[in-house]
Amino acid sequence: MPSPARPSRTDARHAALAGASVIVTRPGGASLLRSARRLGARAFPLPGLSLLAIAQPRPRAAFDAWLFTSPAAVRFALRHAPRVRVPKRAPVFAIGGGTRAALARHGIAATAPERSDSEGLLAVPGLAEVRGRRIALVGAPGGRDLIAPALRARGAVVEAIHVYRREPPRLTRRHFDALAAADDPLITLLSSGEALANLVAALPPPLLARLRAQTIVVSSARLAGAARAAGFGSIVTATSAAPRDLLAAAAHALARHRL
């Protein structure tokens, strides 16, 4: 893995994240890395998860609605190993803005809540009256556990379509060396409790201690509690898991650090 990339010369000297090392724990987080670097950060990946495709036949049933739980669900369902064909007239729902944007790149319009989590999605008016409707829930095993039970309680017939699975990260010495060499202040971006648990288990104790002593930006109050329980002290909660919200929270944390 290459060393943390330096911001380009076109970045302003006092850009929002200039002087910070930003750690991206999201797998496949290339766009988040680029965005952090455009804001002046030295950004590098430290993935908390590995995502692997699940081979399964195409769904045979016709669904009244489709629900995608992450950008990765879109990626694996429609690009990496396309097995899902969404009818043009079927309503499609996305867990948040990032998932909606991923669907839009495939020409699929989707409804997404302002609040990018399970509770926000379940509050969308289009999912209020679903009795007797067949709903496809596209994602990974074990994810978004609140959605399917809540929709079934409303009378829907929910079928989970698993197109990928999450595994512990494949971290190497290069990941550890990049983290050890990164300049302070460190700001870790986190949007998954499972990724947090994996990193706590996988990082050498000195590197984990260093992360715990720095700032972590999380995407929800639930993750803030998990980070606190894992020994992190400086925790900033973003308004959502969207890259722009994670980076805005990181910039706010850095501005406070500079005071």
Protein backbone atom coordinates (compact mmCIF):
# COMPACT_ATOMS: atom_id res chain seq x y z
CA MET A 1 0.00 0.00 0.00
CA PRO A 2 1.46 3.41 -0.93
CA SER A 3 2.28 6.02 1.69
CA PRO A 4 -0.44 8.54 2.56
CA ALA A 5 -0.94 10.79 -0.44
CA ARG A 6 -0.07 14.43 -0.04
CA PRO A 7 -2.64 17.01 -1.13
CA SER A 8 -2.18 18.43 -4.61
CA ARG A 9 -0.56 21.82 -5.16
CA THR A 10 -3.95 23.21 -6.16
CA ASP A 11 -5.22 22.76 -2.60
CA ALA A 12 -5.45 25.93 -0.57
CA ARG A 13 -2.88 26.27 2.17
CA HIS A 14 -5.63 26.63 4.74
CA ALA A 15 -8.12 24.15 3.27
CA ALA A 16 -10.62 22.59 5.64
CA LEU A 17 -8.51 19.49 6.34
CA ALA A 18 -5.02 20.82 5.67
CA GLY A 19 -2.52 19.47 8.17
CA ALA A 20 -4.59 16.44 9.19
CA SER A 21 -4.07 12.75 8.44
CA VAL A 22 -7.47 11.26 7.58
CA ILE A 23 -7.97 7.51 7.95
CA VAL A 24 -10.70 5.99 5.76
CA THR A 25 -12.01 2.72 7.20
CA ARG A 26 -14.73 2.19 4.58
CA PRO A 27 -13.92 -0.61 2.11
CA GLY A 28 -13.81 0.64 -1.45
CA GLY A 29 -13.47 4.18 -0.13
CA ALA A 30 -11.57 5.62 -3.11
CA SER A 31 -13.98 8.52 -3.63
CA LEU A 32 -13.87 9.39 0.08
CA LEU A 33 -10.06 9.39 -0.06
CA ARG A 34 -10.10 11.71 -3.08
CA SER A 35 -12.55 14.07 -1.40
CA ALA A 36 -10.43 14.24 1.77
CA ARG A 37 -7.33 14.99 -0.29
CA ARG A 38 -9.14 17.76 -2.18
CA LEU A 39 -9.77 19.33 1.23
CA GLY A 40 -6.05 19.30 1.96
CA ALA A 41 -5.75 16.13 4.05
CA ARG A 42 -3.12 13.45 3.91
CA ALA A 43 -5.55 10.56 3.51
CA PHE A 44 -4.99 6.82 3.42
CA PRO A 45 -7.07 3.63 3.69
CA LEU A 46 -7.30 1.39 6.74
CA PRO A 47 -10.27 -0.81 5.81
CA GLY A 48 -12.29 -2.28 8.65
CA LEU A 49 -14.03 -4.77 6.36
CA SER A 50 -13.47 -6.88 3.27
CA LEU A 51 -16.45 -7.25 0.94
CA LEU A 52 -16.82 -10.45 -1.08
CA ALA A 53 -19.45 -11.33 -3.66
CA ILE A 54 -22.01 -14.04 -2.92
CA ALA A 55 -22.91 -16.27 -5.84
CA GLN A 56 -26.62 -16.95 -6.06
CA PRO A 57 -29.19 -17.35 -8.83
CA ARG A 58 -31.26 -14.45 -10.06
CA PRO A 59 -34.42 -13.86 -8.02
CA ARG A 60 -37.41 -15.56 -9.63
CA ALA A 61 -40.14 -13.67 -7.85
CA ALA A 62 -41.66 -10.42 -9.02
CA PHE A 63 -41.40 -7.73 -6.37
CA ASP A 64 -43.60 -4.75 -5.69
CA ALA A 65 -40.66 -2.70 -4.40
CA TRP A 66 -36.89 -2.88 -4.11
CA LEU A 67 -34.77 -1.68 -1.22
CA PHE A 68 -30.97 -1.32 -1.36
CA THR A 69 -29.13 -1.09 1.95
CA SER A 70 -25.75 0.34 0.86
CA PRO A 71 -23.73 1.52 -2.13
CA ALA A 72 -21.93 -1.84 -1.94
CA ALA A 73 -25.29 -3.61 -2.37
CA VAL A 74 -25.79 -1.66 -5.59
CA ARG A 75 -22.25 -2.35 -6.73
CA PHE A 76 -22.40 -6.10 -6.21
CA ALA A 77 -25.95 -6.52 -7.45
CA LEU A 78 -25.70 -4.47 -10.62
CA ARG A 79 -22.05 -4.23 -11.61
CA HIS A 80 -19.67 -6.81 -10.13
CA ALA A 81 -21.89 -9.87 -10.58
CA PRO A 82 -25.20 -8.59 -11.95
CA ARG A 83 -28.02 -10.85 -10.87
CA VAL A 84 -30.67 -8.26 -10.08
CA ARG A 85 -32.95 -6.73 -12.69
CA VAL A 86 -35.09 -3.96 -11.31
CA PRO A 87 -38.28 -3.37 -13.35
CA LYS A 88 -38.59 0.23 -14.50
CA ARG A 89 -42.01 0.68 -12.89
CA ALA A 90 -41.13 -0.80 -9.49
CA PRO A 91 -40.49 1.75 -6.72
CA VAL A 92 -36.93 1.64 -5.43
CA PHE A 93 -35.74 2.81 -2.02
CA ALA A 94 -32.19 3.55 -0.85
CA ILE A 95 -30.83 3.71 2.68
CA GLY A 96 -29.25 7.11 2.02
CA GLY A 97 -27.89 9.59 -0.47
CA GLY A 98 -24.80 7.56 -1.34
CA THR A 99 -26.88 4.51 -2.21
CA ARG A 100 -29.32 6.65 -4.20
CA ALA A 101 -26.39 8.12 -6.16
CA ALA A 102 -25.02 4.62 -6.84
CA LEU A 103 -28.40 3.56 -8.22
CA ALA A 104 -28.63 6.72 -10.33
CA ARG A 105 -25.37 5.75 -12.04
CA HIS A 106 -27.23 2.68 -13.29
CA GLY A 107 -30.19 4.75 -14.47
CA ILE A 108 -32.39 3.79 -11.50
CA ALA A 109 -34.25 6.53 -9.63
CA ALA A 110 -34.68 5.83 -5.93
CA THR A 111 -36.26 7.44 -2.90
CA ALA A 112 -33.92 8.04 0.06
CA PRO A 113 -34.53 9.56 3.49
CA GLU A 114 -32.76 12.66 4.78
CA ARG A 115 -31.62 10.59 7.76
CA SER A 116 -29.34 7.88 6.34
CA ASP A 117 -30.11 4.95 8.61
CA SER A 118 -32.69 2.20 9.11
CA GLU A 119 -35.01 4.39 11.17
CA GLY A 120 -34.92 7.13 8.54
CA LEU A 121 -35.71 4.71 5.76
CA LEU A 122 -38.62 3.14 7.65
CA ALA A 123 -40.10 6.62 8.07
CA VAL A 124 -40.30 7.19 4.30
CA PRO A 125 -44.01 7.57 3.34
CA GLY A 126 -43.70 5.02 0.53
CA LEU A 127 -42.94 2.29 3.08
CA ALA A 128 -45.73 3.13 5.51
CA GLU A 129 -48.50 1.06 3.88
CA VAL A 130 -46.93 -2.17 2.68
CA ARG A 131 -49.39 -4.86 3.75
CA GLY A 132 -49.36 -7.71 1.25
CA ARG A 133 -46.57 -6.19 -0.83
CA ARG A 134 -43.51 -8.22 -1.83
CA ILE A 135 -40.31 -6.30 -1.07
CA ALA A 136 -36.78 -7.25 -2.13
CA LEU A 137 -34.15 -6.26 0.47
CA VAL A 138 -30.77 -6.20 -1.28
CA GLY A 139 -27.64 -6.26 0.86
CA ALA A 140 -25.42 -8.52 2.96
CA PRO A 141 -26.19 -11.09 5.67
CA GLY A 142 -26.46 -9.55 9.12
CA GLY A 143 -26.82 -5.96 7.96
CA ARG A 144 -29.67 -3.53 8.64
CA ASP A 145 -31.41 -6.02 10.96
CA LEU A 146 -34.14 -3.54 11.87
CA ILE A 147 -35.60 -3.12 8.39
CA ALA A 148 -36.93 -6.58 7.54
CA PRO A 149 -38.67 -7.21 10.92
CA ALA A 150 -40.24 -3.74 10.85
CA LEU A 151 -41.59 -4.19 7.31
CA ARG A 152 -42.91 -7.68 8.13
CA ALA A 153 -44.64 -6.24 11.18
CA ARG A 154 -46.39 -3.86 8.76
CA GLY A 155 -47.61 -6.84 6.74
CA ALA A 156 -45.05 -6.94 3.94
CA VAL A 157 -43.51 -10.09 2.50
CA VAL A 158 -39.78 -9.38 2.63
CA GLU A 159 -37.19 -11.45 0.77
CA ALA A 160 -33.52 -10.82 1.57
CA ILE A 161 -31.29 -10.93 -1.51
CA HIS A 162 -27.70 -11.28 -0.33
CA VAL A 163 -25.26 -10.16 -3.03
CA TYR A 164 -22.13 -9.79 -0.88
CA ARG A 165 -20.79 -10.66 2.54
CA ARG A 166 -18.60 -8.81 5.02
CA GLU A 167 -15.38 -10.37 6.30
CA PRO A 168 -12.59 -9.12 8.60
CA PRO A 169 -10.14 -6.86 6.76
CA ARG A 170 -7.04 -8.10 5.03
CA LEU A 171 -4.59 -5.75 6.68
CA THR A 172 -0.89 -5.98 5.86
CA ARG A 173 2.35 -4.58 7.18
CA ARG A 174 1.96 -1.72 4.70
CA HIS A 175 -1.27 -0.63 6.40
CA PHE A 176 0.44 -0.69 9.79
CA ASP A 177 3.52 1.16 8.52
CA ALA A 178 1.36 3.87 6.90
CA LEU A 179 -0.53 4.38 10.15
CA ALA A 180 2.67 4.48 12.20
CA ALA A 181 4.21 7.08 9.84
CA ALA A 182 1.14 9.31 9.59
CA ASP A 183 1.48 12.78 11.06
CA ASP A 184 -0.73 14.07 13.85
CA PRO A 185 -3.50 14.99 14.14
CA LEU A 186 -5.18 11.78 13.05
CA ILE A 187 -8.88 11.75 12.21
CA THR A 188 -10.51 8.35 11.67
CA LEU A 189 -13.74 8.16 9.64
CA LEU A 190 -16.04 5.32 10.72
CA SER A 191 -19.49 4.27 9.50
CA SER A 192 -19.71 0.64 10.67
CA GLY A 193 -19.74 -0.96 14.09
CA GLU A 194 -18.46 -4.19 12.60
CA ALA A 195 -15.51 -2.32 11.06
CA LEU A 196 -14.74 -0.79 14.46
CA ALA A 197 -14.72 -4.21 16.15
CA ASN A 198 -12.51 -5.66 13.42
CA LEU A 199 -9.96 -2.87 13.68
CA VAL A 200 -9.83 -3.11 17.47
CA ALA A 201 -9.11 -6.83 17.09
CA ALA A 202 -6.60 -6.51 14.21
CA LEU A 203 -4.44 -3.50 15.06
CA PRO A 204 -1.20 -3.95 17.04
CA PRO A 205 -1.67 -2.51 20.56
CA PRO A 206 0.60 0.55 20.06
CA LEU A 207 -1.26 1.57 16.88
CA LEU A 208 -4.66 1.00 18.47
CA ALA A 209 -3.59 3.10 21.44
CA ARG A 210 -2.59 5.88 19.07
CA LEU A 211 -5.97 5.84 17.34
CA ARG A 212 -7.80 5.86 20.67
CA ALA A 213 -5.87 8.96 21.71
CA GLN A 214 -6.90 10.86 18.56
CA THR A 215 -10.21 11.90 16.97
CA ILE A 216 -12.74 9.50 15.51
CA VAL A 217 -15.67 10.70 13.40
CA VAL A 218 -18.66 8.35 13.50
CA SER A 219 -21.85 8.37 11.46
CA SER A 220 -24.45 7.86 14.21
CA ALA A 221 -25.11 8.11 17.93
CA ARG A 222 -25.12 4.31 18.09
CA LEU A 223 -21.58 4.20 16.70
CA ALA A 224 -20.53 6.94 19.10
CA GLY A 225 -21.52 4.65 21.96
CA ALA A 226 -19.65 1.74 20.42
CA ALA A 227 -16.53 3.87 19.96
CA ARG A 228 -16.73 5.05 23.57
CA ALA A 229 -17.05 1.45 24.75
CA ALA A 230 -14.01 0.55 22.63
CA GLY A 231 -11.88 3.09 24.45
CA PHE A 232 -12.04 6.12 22.17
CA GLY A 233 -12.28 9.46 23.93
CA SER A 234 -12.46 12.21 21.30
CA ILE A 235 -15.60 11.27 19.35
CA VAL A 236 -17.39 13.49 16.84
CA THR A 237 -20.79 12.42 15.46
CA ALA A 238 -21.55 13.32 11.84
CA THR A 239 -25.09 13.93 10.68
CA SER A 240 -24.96 10.85 8.42
CA ALA A 241 -22.66 8.32 6.79
CA ALA A 242 -22.54 10.34 3.55
CA PRO A 243 -18.96 11.32 2.62
CA ARG A 244 -19.75 15.04 2.68
CA ASP A 245 -21.15 14.75 6.22
CA LEU A 246 -18.23 12.68 7.51
CA LEU A 247 -15.77 15.17 6.03
CA ALA A 248 -17.70 18.17 7.34
CA ALA A 249 -17.57 16.68 10.85
CA ALA A 250 -13.84 16.01 10.41
CA ALA A 251 -13.25 19.61 9.33
CA HIS A 252 -15.19 20.87 12.34
CA ALA A 253 -13.10 18.67 14.65
CA LEU A 254 -9.88 19.93 13.09
CA ALA A 255 -10.98 23.55 13.41
CA ARG A 256 -11.51 23.00 17.15
CA HIS A 257 -8.09 21.32 17.37
CA ARG A 258 -6.48 24.40 15.81
CA LEU A 259 -7.92 26.75 18.44
